[in-house]
Amino acid sequence: MEQRRIYIRIALFNKTLDKAVTVDAKMVSHAGTCDEGVTAVYKAADKTEDGVKYLVSTEVKGEAGQHTYSDVKFNWDAAAIKDDDGNITGYKTDQKEGTSVTVDEVKCSVCGEVQKNVSVSVVKDTDAYKAPTCEEAGKDVYVATVTSTDDNTVLAKETKEVAIAKLGHKYGEPVWSDWEEKDGKWTTTATFTCANDATHVQTPEVKVDSETVEKATYTKEGKVVYTASVTSPDGKKVVNPTTKEVVVEKERLAAVENLKASSSVGKVKLTWSEVKDAEGYLIYGIRGGGNKYGYIGMTSKTSFVDVKAFTSDYNYYWVFAYCKDENGKMYPGLTAHYVYGKAQKCAAVTDLKASSVKGGVKLTWTKSAGAEGYLVYGIHPGEKYGYIGMTTKGTTFTDKKASSTVADSYSNKFGWILFPGSSCQHRFQHHGETSVLWWCQSDGIRECGSPLSWRTSPGGYHPLSPGSRIWKGNERKWQGHPIYCMGTD
């Protein structure tokens, strides 16, 4: 009866093993004789690889005439395989002389009979083999067996375990992901996979460094190059061979501040604070509510006068600082807000008078504040109302095309705005008499300059009778306009 290997699945220390465990058990007692049959008790005490302690025993009844060899001593040293450091890494199994496992005297543990004709063989127990992993050691199990050469009966067995060192992780070069932007920053990921176990994957924190190779300006884009590096699980620094090159947008000049609009006669003036690095300023806007947004003007100063601003509607303005590149191309800055204003109208012409002079009719009037000149519109006999002339040299104008036989009418306006309610004078001839009549569309009182009388005449003219006064409510019409007597030639 050889040394027993017992397969156990037992509940010990309130814990049940998950799987069967093979252990070596030794005979601790026996009863009976070899001739009659020996009843032997075998016990094993140790702990499993999971750290569970166990204590087991079993009773084996041998057949009559069967011997028990529980104390056979095996000699393994000669068959040991060692590394350069003297550590045993295995045992030879070919049992060559001088390098084989041997045994001392094979004697029955019950009756003491010695077995002379024996042989020893060594094999690896592949079922008990445990492969090493990255984090756990493995083991090889060798079984030496003593067999009787008389009848091939197995007399005794012994096992030897050889620890196999854990493999440890073997991380090579990482796999880098594509660069991507997250929360305004560029990054990439390095993934390390263990060569010994593909399930062991690590993604350490990546360090990203940036280098500005070209600085962005107001007229030129910039360039930044990002480089990623990581410390591998093995403690080595690894640099991503693929860098990320990012184009940086051009800088923008700051927005114009303190933009203000002020109105005056015929224009709107814009003012603002100077913008750092600006070479000039572009003015864009909308003249009147019905027009499109567009270019209005430009200046190198911090003010601009729009002489084309509407008086009849509001004008809206945006001002952009700009700078130029070497080719003269402009690059506008930011804008914060807009302003609006309406050009003021010129005051109406007052005291407009007409008098006959040699070669025409002379018009005079009082100077209007803010006027840069005066436009004269009117009606010549047989013609439509339209432009007659202009002057920028005072407050008089002589119409050299005026009719000497039929009354002419004149209206005067100035600058570039036509005001309703402007005045004009008319001359007309009736039955050999020439009268000068004043008309206007505004309220007021006009008195005859000389005694005439009203009388109806062909064509709708209305001369005045001597001594009459024309008041509001006694107006007469000439070509659809109210008229008042002013005098005669």
Protein backbone atom coordinates (compact mmCIF):
# COMPACT_ATOMS: atom_id res chain seq x y z
CA MET A 1 0.00 0.00 0.00
CA GLU A 2 1.79 3.13 -1.25
CA GLN A 3 1.50 6.69 -0.02
CA ARG A 4 -1.97 7.91 -0.79
CA ARG A 5 -3.08 11.00 -2.79
CA ILE A 6 -6.52 11.96 -1.64
CA TYR A 7 -9.10 14.03 -3.57
CA ILE A 8 -11.15 16.03 -1.13
CA ARG A 9 -14.17 18.31 -1.20
CA ILE A 10 -14.78 19.12 2.41
CA ALA A 11 -16.32 21.74 4.61
CA LEU A 12 -13.76 23.02 7.06
CA PHE A 13 -13.75 26.11 9.25
CA ASN A 14 -17.28 26.91 8.04
CA LYS A 15 -16.13 27.16 4.41
CA THR A 16 -16.86 24.86 1.48
CA LEU A 17 -14.17 24.48 -1.18
CA ASP A 18 -15.23 25.42 -4.69
CA LYS A 19 -13.45 22.50 -6.32
CA ALA A 20 -11.73 19.22 -5.51
CA VAL A 21 -8.17 19.48 -4.19
CA THR A 22 -5.53 16.77 -4.48
CA VAL A 23 -3.26 16.38 -1.44
CA ASP A 24 -0.59 13.90 -0.30
CA ALA A 25 -1.58 11.92 2.78
CA LYS A 26 0.71 9.89 5.03
CA MET A 27 -0.12 6.80 7.03
CA VAL A 28 -0.32 7.72 10.67
CA SER A 29 -1.47 4.39 12.12
CA HIS A 30 -2.32 0.84 11.14
CA ALA A 31 -3.85 -2.28 12.56
CA GLY A 32 -3.54 -5.93 11.56
CA THR A 33 -0.83 -7.90 9.77
CA CYS A 34 0.28 -7.99 6.18
CA ASP A 35 -0.76 -11.66 5.96
CA GLU A 36 -4.26 -10.94 7.22
CA GLY A 37 -4.63 -7.49 5.67
CA VAL A 38 -3.71 -4.11 7.18
CA THR A 39 -6.14 -1.37 7.93
CA ALA A 40 -4.19 1.93 7.63
CA VAL A 41 -5.23 5.47 8.55
CA TYR A 42 -3.95 8.30 6.32
CA LYS A 43 -4.01 11.97 7.20
CA ALA A 44 -3.22 15.27 5.42
CA ALA A 45 -3.08 18.77 6.93
CA ASP A 46 -2.22 21.99 5.09
CA LYS A 47 -4.01 24.89 3.35
CA THR A 48 -5.24 25.35 -0.19
CA GLU A 49 -3.89 27.91 -2.63
CA ASP A 50 -6.80 30.12 -1.65
CA GLY A 51 -5.58 30.06 1.93
CA VAL A 52 -8.21 27.66 3.31
CA LYS A 53 -6.80 25.39 6.00
CA TYR A 54 -7.78 21.73 5.92
CA LEU A 55 -7.28 18.57 7.98
CA VAL A 56 -8.48 15.29 6.46
CA SER A 57 -8.06 11.64 7.18
CA THR A 58 -9.12 8.42 5.52
CA GLU A 59 -9.00 4.75 6.42
CA VAL A 60 -7.84 2.21 3.85
CA LYS A 61 -8.19 -1.58 4.33
CA GLY A 62 -5.57 -3.55 2.49
CA GLU A 63 -5.88 -6.99 1.08
CA ALA A 64 -4.30 -10.02 2.79
CA GLY A 65 -0.67 -10.41 1.82
CA GLN A 66 -0.33 -6.76 0.76
CA HIS A 67 2.53 -4.70 2.19
CA THR A 68 2.51 -1.02 3.05
CA TYR A 69 5.45 1.20 2.06
CA SER A 70 4.78 4.60 3.65
CA ASP A 71 8.31 5.48 4.75
CA VAL A 72 10.24 5.22 1.48
CA LYS A 73 12.82 8.00 1.13
CA PHE A 74 13.18 9.54 -2.36
CA ASN A 75 16.36 11.30 -3.45
CA TRP A 76 15.63 14.10 -5.96
CA ASP A 77 18.84 16.14 -5.93
CA ALA A 78 20.64 14.34 -8.74
CA ALA A 79 17.72 14.92 -11.11
CA ALA A 80 17.25 18.59 -10.23
CA ILE A 81 17.49 21.20 -13.05
CA LYS A 82 18.81 24.55 -11.85
CA ASP A 83 19.21 28.05 -13.28
CA ASP A 84 22.34 30.17 -13.08
CA ASP A 85 21.37 31.34 -9.63
CA GLY A 86 21.00 27.77 -8.31
CA ASN A 87 17.23 27.84 -8.22
CA ILE A 88 15.49 24.55 -9.07
CA THR A 89 13.40 24.97 -12.21
CA GLY A 90 12.42 21.31 -12.73
CA TYR A 91 13.50 17.68 -12.62
CA LYS A 92 14.77 15.31 -15.24
CA THR A 93 12.40 12.55 -16.19
CA ASP A 94 14.66 10.35 -18.35
CA GLN A 95 16.22 8.58 -15.31
CA LYS A 96 19.73 8.35 -16.69
CA GLU A 97 22.42 7.12 -14.39
CA GLY A 98 23.77 9.89 -12.27
CA THR A 99 20.92 12.27 -13.02
CA SER A 100 17.93 10.31 -11.86
CA VAL A 101 15.66 10.15 -8.84
CA THR A 102 16.60 7.31 -6.54
CA VAL A 103 15.17 5.73 -3.39
CA ASP A 104 16.72 4.24 -0.29
CA GLU A 105 15.67 0.86 1.11
CA VAL A 106 12.07 -0.07 0.25
CA LYS A 107 10.80 -1.64 3.44
CA CYS A 108 7.26 -2.51 4.55
CA SER A 109 6.09 -0.12 7.25
CA VAL A 110 4.11 -2.91 8.95
CA CYS A 111 6.20 -6.10 8.83
CA GLY A 112 9.61 -4.69 7.86
CA GLU A 113 10.07 -6.86 4.77
CA VAL A 114 12.46 -5.26 2.26
CA GLN A 115 11.59 -5.22 -1.45
CA LYS A 116 14.77 -5.75 -3.47
CA ASN A 117 13.61 -5.69 -7.07
CA VAL A 118 12.34 -2.16 -7.69
CA SER A 119 12.60 0.57 -10.30
CA VAL A 120 11.97 4.34 -10.10
CA SER A 121 10.28 6.45 -12.80
CA VAL A 122 9.57 10.21 -12.89
CA VAL A 123 6.80 12.02 -14.84
CA LYS A 124 5.21 15.45 -14.90
CA ASP A 125 1.70 15.59 -13.55
CA THR A 126 0.05 17.64 -16.27
CA ASP A 127 -3.24 17.66 -14.43
CA ALA A 128 -1.65 19.35 -11.45
CA TYR A 129 0.27 21.86 -13.59
CA LYS A 130 -0.61 25.49 -12.95
CA ALA A 131 0.37 28.06 -15.55
CA PRO A 132 1.91 31.28 -14.28
CA THR A 133 0.13 34.57 -14.95
CA CYS A 134 1.24 38.18 -14.96
CA GLU A 135 0.43 38.53 -11.28
CA GLU A 136 0.50 34.94 -9.89
CA ALA A 137 3.18 32.26 -9.85
CA GLY A 138 2.51 28.87 -11.40
CA LYS A 139 3.85 25.40 -10.64
CA ASP A 140 5.09 22.17 -12.20
CA VAL A 141 4.35 18.92 -10.34
CA TYR A 142 6.67 15.89 -10.70
CA VAL A 143 5.66 12.41 -9.52
CA ALA A 144 8.30 9.76 -8.70
CA THR A 145 6.97 6.15 -8.56
CA VAL A 146 8.62 3.02 -7.11
CA THR A 147 7.47 -0.14 -8.88
CA SER A 148 8.22 -3.78 -8.16
CA THR A 149 10.04 -5.27 -11.08
CA ASP A 150 8.66 -8.68 -10.16
CA ASP A 151 5.01 -7.92 -10.83
CA ASN A 152 4.91 -4.18 -11.71
CA THR A 153 3.11 -3.40 -8.48
CA VAL A 154 3.34 0.24 -7.43
CA LEU A 155 4.96 0.31 -4.04
CA ALA A 156 5.31 4.04 -3.25
CA LYS A 157 4.94 7.52 -4.77
CA GLU A 158 6.19 11.03 -3.97
CA THR A 159 5.52 14.38 -5.58
CA LYS A 160 7.68 17.47 -5.94
CA GLU A 161 6.34 20.90 -6.80
CA VAL A 162 8.51 23.44 -8.60
CA ALA A 163 7.34 27.05 -8.47
CA ILE A 164 7.19 28.91 -11.77
CA ALA A 165 7.74 32.62 -11.29
CA LYS A 166 4.89 34.91 -12.25
CA LEU A 167 5.30 36.36 -15.71
CA GLY A 168 4.79 39.95 -14.76
CA HIS A 169 3.30 42.45 -17.20
CA LYS A 170 5.00 43.00 -20.51
CA TYR A 171 3.89 46.28 -22.00
CA GLY A 172 5.35 47.35 -25.30
CA GLU A 173 4.57 50.43 -27.33
CA PRO A 174 1.14 51.94 -26.79
CA VAL A 175 -1.56 52.46 -29.36
CA TRP A 176 -2.32 56.19 -29.65
CA SER A 177 -5.80 57.39 -30.41
CA ASP A 178 -6.53 60.19 -32.84
CA TRP A 179 -6.14 63.71 -31.51
CA GLU A 180 -9.41 65.29 -30.39
CA GLU A 181 -10.48 68.57 -28.85
CA LYS A 182 -12.18 68.45 -25.44
CA ASP A 183 -13.28 71.55 -23.56
CA GLY A 184 -11.07 73.71 -25.74
CA LYS A 185 -7.97 71.53 -25.24
CA TRP A 186 -6.34 69.02 -27.57
CA THR A 187 -5.58 65.56 -26.21
CA THR A 188 -4.99 61.93 -27.18
CA THR A 189 -5.05 58.57 -25.38
CA ALA A 190 -2.28 55.98 -25.04
CA THR A 191 -3.45 52.38 -24.60
CA PHE A 192 -1.00 49.75 -23.32
CA THR A 193 -1.86 46.05 -23.73
CA CYS A 194 0.12 43.37 -21.89
CA ALA A 195 1.80 40.93 -24.26
CA ASN A 196 1.38 38.12 -21.71
CA ASP A 197 -2.34 38.73 -21.19
CA ALA A 198 -4.41 40.77 -23.63
CA THR A 199 -7.04 41.36 -20.97
CA HIS A 200 -4.60 43.50 -19.03
CA VAL A 201 -5.03 46.98 -20.52
CA GLN A 202 -3.92 50.30 -19.07
CA THR A 203 -4.42 53.90 -20.21
CA PRO A 204 -2.18 56.12 -18.06
CA GLU A 205 -2.68 59.88 -17.92
CA VAL A 206 -1.23 61.64 -20.94
CA LYS A 207 0.79 64.83 -20.70
CA VAL A 208 0.28 67.27 -23.56
CA ASP A 209 2.80 70.05 -24.26
CA SER A 210 2.19 72.87 -26.72
CA GLU A 211 4.59 75.00 -28.69
CA THR A 212 3.64 78.15 -30.57
CA VAL A 213 5.63 78.00 -33.78
CA GLU A 214 3.88 80.98 -35.38
CA LYS A 215 2.18 83.66 -33.33
CA ALA A 216 -1.21 84.86 -34.53
CA THR A 217 -1.43 88.56 -35.40
CA TYR A 218 -4.22 90.85 -36.54
CA THR A 219 -3.42 90.03 -40.17
CA LYS A 220 -2.05 86.49 -40.04
CA GLU A 221 -3.11 83.17 -38.58
CA GLY A 222 -0.87 81.45 -36.06
CA LYS A 223 0.22 77.85 -35.58
CA VAL A 224 0.52 75.70 -32.43
CA VAL A 225 2.03 72.20 -32.33
CA TYR A 226 0.92 69.78 -29.59
CA THR A 227 3.10 66.87 -28.42
CA ALA A 228 1.83 64.06 -26.17
CA SER A 229 3.87 61.87 -23.86
CA VAL A 230 3.06 59.26 -21.24
CA THR A 231 4.79 57.15 -18.63
CA SER A 232 4.20 53.48 -19.42
CA PRO A 233 3.21 50.95 -16.75
CA ASP A 234 6.82 49.80 -16.92
CA GLY A 235 7.94 53.29 -15.88
CA LYS A 236 9.31 54.34 -19.25
CA LYS A 237 8.54 57.65 -20.94
CA VAL A 238 6.88 57.20 -24.32
CA VAL A 239 6.30 60.05 -26.78
CA ASN A 240 3.52 60.03 -29.34
CA PRO A 241 5.21 60.03 -32.75
CA THR A 242 2.22 61.89 -34.19
CA THR A 243 1.98 65.57 -33.24
CA LYS A 244 -1.06 67.76 -33.67
CA GLU A 245 -0.73 71.00 -35.61
CA VAL A 246 -3.51 73.52 -34.99
CA VAL A 247 -4.13 76.73 -36.87
CA VAL A 248 -4.89 79.65 -34.55
CA GLU A 249 -7.33 82.26 -35.78
CA LYS A 250 -6.15 85.78 -36.39
CA GLU A 251 -6.41 88.15 -33.46
CA ARG A 252 -9.07 90.84 -33.64
CA LEU A 253 -8.67 94.48 -32.83
CA ALA A 254 -10.69 95.51 -29.83
CA ALA A 255 -14.18 96.89 -30.28
CA VAL A 256 -14.61 100.63 -30.55
CA GLU A 257 -15.66 102.14 -27.23
CA ASN A 258 -17.50 105.33 -26.31
CA LEU A 259 -19.12 105.54 -29.73
CA LYS A 260 -21.45 108.57 -29.87
CA ALA A 261 -23.53 110.32 -32.52
CA SER A 262 -24.42 114.03 -32.57
CA SER A 263 -26.67 115.75 -35.10
CA SER A 264 -26.31 119.11 -36.77
CA VAL A 265 -27.68 120.74 -39.90
CA GLY A 266 -27.36 118.34 -42.81
CA LYS A 267 -25.07 115.85 -41.09
CA VAL A 268 -24.42 113.40 -38.26
CA LYS A 269 -21.04 113.39 -36.50
CA LEU A 270 -19.64 110.21 -34.95
CA THR A 271 -16.92 110.18 -32.27
CA TRP A 272 -15.21 107.33 -30.37
CA SER A 273 -12.16 106.43 -28.31
CA GLU A 274 -8.91 105.35 -29.95
CA VAL A 275 -8.35 101.60 -30.35
CA LYS A 276 -4.89 100.22 -29.65
CA ASP A 277 -2.94 99.16 -32.79
CA ALA A 278 -5.66 100.47 -35.13
CA GLU A 279 -4.51 102.01 -38.41
CA GLY A 280 -7.92 103.44 -39.22
CA TYR A 281 -11.63 102.99 -38.85
CA LEU A 282 -14.40 101.71 -41.15
CA ILE A 283 -17.91 103.08 -40.84
CA TYR A 284 -20.83 100.89 -41.86
CA GLY A 285 -24.47 101.55 -41.35
CA ILE A 286 -28.01 102.01 -42.60
CA ARG A 287 -29.26 105.37 -43.87
CA GLY A 288 -32.95 105.39 -43.15
CA GLY A 289 -35.05 102.41 -42.13
CA GLY A 290 -35.76 101.20 -45.65
CA ASN A 291 -32.16 100.89 -46.86
CA LYS A 292 -29.65 98.06 -46.59
CA TYR A 293 -26.67 97.81 -44.28
CA GLY A 294 -23.48 98.81 -46.12
CA TYR A 295 -20.28 100.79 -46.32
CA ILE A 296 -20.51 104.49 -45.45
CA GLY A 297 -16.94 105.70 -45.11
CA MET A 298 -13.55 105.39 -43.47
CA THR A 299 -11.12 107.60 -41.57
CA SER A 300 -7.79 107.49 -39.76
CA LYS A 301 -9.15 109.75 -37.02
CA THR A 302 -11.51 109.07 -34.15
CA SER A 303 -14.38 111.01 -35.67
CA PHE A 304 -16.40 110.93 -38.87
CA VAL A 305 -19.05 113.22 -40.36
CA ASP A 306 -21.78 111.71 -42.49
CA VAL A 307 -22.91 114.53 -44.79
CA LYS A 308 -25.36 112.18 -46.50
CA ALA A 309 -27.32 111.38 -43.39
CA PHE A 310 -31.08 111.45 -43.76
CA THR A 311 -33.11 114.14 -42.08
CA SER A 312 -36.40 112.32 -42.57
CA ASP A 313 -35.40 109.07 -40.82
CA TYR A 314 -32.82 107.76 -38.39
CA ASN A 315 -29.40 106.65 -39.58
CA TYR A 316 -27.65 103.71 -37.84
CA TYR A 317 -23.87 103.42 -37.55
CA TRP A 318 -21.30 100.74 -36.65
CA VAL A 319 -17.59 101.59 -36.42
CA PHE A 320 -14.80 99.01 -36.82
CA ALA A 321 -11.11 99.56 -36.15
CA TYR A 322 -8.89 98.02 -38.84
CA CYS A 323 -5.27 97.28 -39.65
CA LYS A 324 -3.60 96.28 -42.92
CA ASP A 325 -1.24 93.55 -44.05
CA GLU A 326 1.74 94.03 -46.33
CA ASN A 327 -0.56 93.91 -49.36
CA GLY A 328 -2.88 96.57 -48.06
CA LYS A 329 -5.72 94.20 -47.24
CA MET A 330 -7.84 95.43 -44.35
CA TYR A 331 -8.74 93.34 -41.32
CA PRO A 332 -11.58 94.81 -39.24
CA GLY A 333 -11.82 94.40 -35.49
CA LEU A 334 -14.76 93.70 -33.25
CA THR A 335 -17.77 95.91 -32.70
CA ALA A 336 -19.66 96.28 -29.46
CA HIS A 337 -22.73 98.34 -30.33
CA TYR A 338 -24.23 100.84 -32.73
CA VAL A 339 -25.49 104.41 -32.46
CA TYR A 340 -28.08 106.30 -34.43
CA GLY A 341 -28.92 109.89 -35.31
CA LYS A 342 -30.92 112.05 -37.66
CA ALA A 343 -29.45 115.03 -39.55
CA GLN A 344 -31.11 118.32 -38.71
CA LYS A 345 -32.98 120.30 -41.32
CA CYS A 346 -31.92 123.84 -42.35
CA ALA A 347 -34.21 126.59 -41.18
CA ALA A 348 -36.72 127.83 -43.77
CA VAL A 349 -35.73 130.82 -45.90
CA THR A 350 -37.38 134.01 -44.60
CA ASP A 351 -38.01 137.47 -46.03
CA LEU A 352 -37.92 136.19 -49.59
CA LYS A 353 -38.57 139.10 -51.99
CA ALA A 354 -38.59 139.55 -55.75
CA SER A 355 -37.91 142.73 -57.70
CA SER A 356 -37.58 143.50 -61.36
CA VAL A 357 -34.13 144.43 -62.55
CA LYS A 358 -32.68 144.95 -65.92
CA GLY A 359 -32.46 141.61 -67.67
CA GLY A 360 -34.41 139.58 -65.13
CA VAL A 361 -35.93 139.23 -61.68
CA LYS A 362 -33.79 139.58 -58.59
CA LEU A 363 -34.57 137.47 -55.51
CA THR A 364 -33.34 138.39 -52.02
CA TRP A 365 -33.76 136.71 -48.65
CA THR A 366 -32.40 136.51 -45.14
CA LYS A 367 -29.45 134.22 -44.44
CA SER A 368 -30.39 130.81 -42.99
CA ALA A 369 -28.27 129.42 -40.16
CA GLY A 370 -26.20 126.42 -41.20
CA ALA A 371 -26.85 126.86 -44.92
CA GLU A 372 -23.97 126.22 -47.27
CA GLY A 373 -25.82 127.49 -50.30
CA TYR A 374 -29.27 128.04 -51.77
CA LEU A 375 -31.18 126.25 -54.52
CA VAL A 376 -33.81 128.15 -56.44
CA TYR A 377 -36.80 126.27 -57.84
CA GLY A 378 -39.78 127.79 -59.62
CA ILE A 379 -42.10 127.95 -62.63
CA HIS A 380 -41.46 129.83 -65.86
CA PRO A 381 -44.48 130.48 -68.07
CA GLY A 382 -45.43 127.36 -70.00
CA GLU A 383 -43.02 125.15 -68.04
CA LYS A 384 -43.32 122.75 -65.11
CA TYR A 385 -42.05 123.43 -61.62
CA GLY A 386 -38.30 122.69 -61.49
CA TYR A 387 -34.74 123.78 -60.90
CA ILE A 388 -33.82 127.36 -61.84
CA GLY A 389 -30.44 127.91 -60.25
CA MET A 390 -28.27 128.00 -57.17
CA THR A 391 -25.87 130.23 -55.33
CA THR A 392 -23.27 129.81 -52.60
CA LYS A 393 -22.20 133.47 -52.60
CA GLY A 394 -24.77 135.24 -50.56
CA THR A 395 -28.50 135.71 -50.25
CA THR A 396 -29.40 137.02 -53.71
CA PHE A 397 -30.11 135.41 -57.07
CA THR A 398 -31.05 136.96 -60.41
CA ASP A 399 -33.21 134.94 -62.77
CA LYS A 400 -32.11 136.10 -66.21
CA LYS A 401 -34.63 133.83 -67.90
CA ALA A 402 -37.64 135.36 -66.20
CA SER A 403 -40.56 136.41 -68.46
CA SER A 404 -41.20 140.14 -68.86
CA THR A 405 -44.85 139.69 -69.82
CA VAL A 406 -46.15 136.83 -67.72
CA ALA A 407 -45.71 136.31 -64.01
CA ASP A 408 -43.00 133.84 -62.94
CA SER A 409 -43.12 131.97 -59.65
CA TYR A 410 -40.11 130.98 -57.55
CA SER A 411 -39.46 128.79 -54.58
CA ASN A 412 -36.19 128.70 -52.74
CA LYS A 413 -34.57 125.90 -50.82
CA PHE A 414 -31.08 125.42 -49.52
CA GLY A 415 -28.58 122.67 -48.73
CA TRP A 416 -30.01 119.41 -49.96
CA ILE A 417 -33.39 119.38 -48.26
CA LEU A 418 -36.58 120.72 -49.80
CA PHE A 419 -38.78 122.21 -47.11
CA PRO A 420 -42.53 122.59 -47.52
CA GLY A 421 -43.81 126.07 -46.87
CA SER A 422 -41.06 127.84 -48.83
CA SER A 423 -41.97 131.19 -50.49
CA CYS A 424 -42.04 132.51 -54.04
CA GLN A 425 -43.08 135.67 -55.94
CA HIS A 426 -45.09 135.95 -59.12
CA ARG A 427 -45.37 138.58 -61.81
CA PHE A 428 -48.28 138.67 -64.14
CA GLN A 429 -49.81 141.18 -66.59
CA HIS A 430 -53.52 141.85 -66.86
CA HIS A 431 -55.18 144.43 -69.13
CA GLY A 432 -51.96 146.32 -69.52
CA GLU A 433 -51.20 146.50 -65.82
CA THR A 434 -48.35 144.63 -64.16
CA SER A 435 -48.76 143.51 -60.58
CA VAL A 436 -46.36 141.68 -58.25
CA LEU A 437 -48.07 139.07 -56.05
CA TRP A 438 -46.60 137.21 -53.05
CA TRP A 439 -47.83 133.76 -52.10
CA CYS A 440 -46.94 131.29 -49.40
CA GLN A 441 -48.37 128.09 -47.90
CA SER A 442 -47.81 129.19 -44.30
CA ASP A 443 -50.24 131.17 -42.23
CA GLY A 444 -49.78 134.92 -41.96
CA ILE A 445 -51.05 138.36 -43.03
CA ARG A 446 -49.91 140.16 -46.15
CA GLU A 447 -50.86 143.76 -47.05
CA CYS A 448 -51.11 145.32 -50.47
CA GLY A 449 -48.13 147.48 -51.19
CA SER A 450 -50.21 149.86 -53.40
CA PRO A 451 -53.93 150.49 -53.87
CA LEU A 452 -55.50 148.03 -56.30
CA SER A 453 -58.80 146.29 -56.35
CA TRP A 454 -59.92 142.68 -56.70
CA ARG A 455 -61.51 141.78 -59.95
CA THR A 456 -62.08 138.55 -61.71
CA SER A 457 -60.18 138.15 -64.94
CA PRO A 458 -59.83 135.51 -67.65
CA GLY A 459 -57.43 132.71 -66.67
CA GLY A 460 -58.28 132.91 -62.98
CA TYR A 461 -56.06 135.87 -62.05
CA HIS A 462 -57.28 138.06 -59.22
CA PRO A 463 -55.95 141.64 -59.21
CA LEU A 464 -56.67 143.79 -56.19
CA SER A 465 -58.73 146.96 -55.86
CA PRO A 466 -57.14 150.16 -54.48
CA GLY A 467 -56.81 150.29 -50.70
CA SER A 468 -57.78 146.65 -50.04
CA ARG A 469 -56.10 144.56 -47.41
CA ILE A 470 -55.85 140.77 -47.78
CA TRP A 471 -56.12 138.84 -44.54
CA LYS A 472 -56.10 135.17 -43.74
CA GLY A 473 -59.40 133.81 -44.95
CA ASN A 474 -59.46 136.11 -47.97
CA GLU A 475 -56.80 134.17 -49.82
CA ARG A 476 -57.08 133.69 -53.55
CA LYS A 477 -55.52 130.94 -55.59
CA TRP A 478 -53.06 131.14 -58.42
CA GLN A 479 -52.17 127.82 -59.98
CA GLY A 480 -53.41 126.13 -56.83
CA HIS A 481 -51.42 128.34 -54.42
CA PRO A 482 -52.64 131.07 -52.04
CA ILE A 483 -51.63 134.60 -53.13
CA TYR A 484 -51.33 137.92 -51.35
CA CYS A 485 -50.95 141.40 -52.85
CA MET A 486 -47.50 142.91 -52.33
CA GLY A 487 -47.42 145.90 -54.69
CA THR A 488 -47.10 147.07 -58.26
CA ASP A 489 -44.29 148.13 -60.57
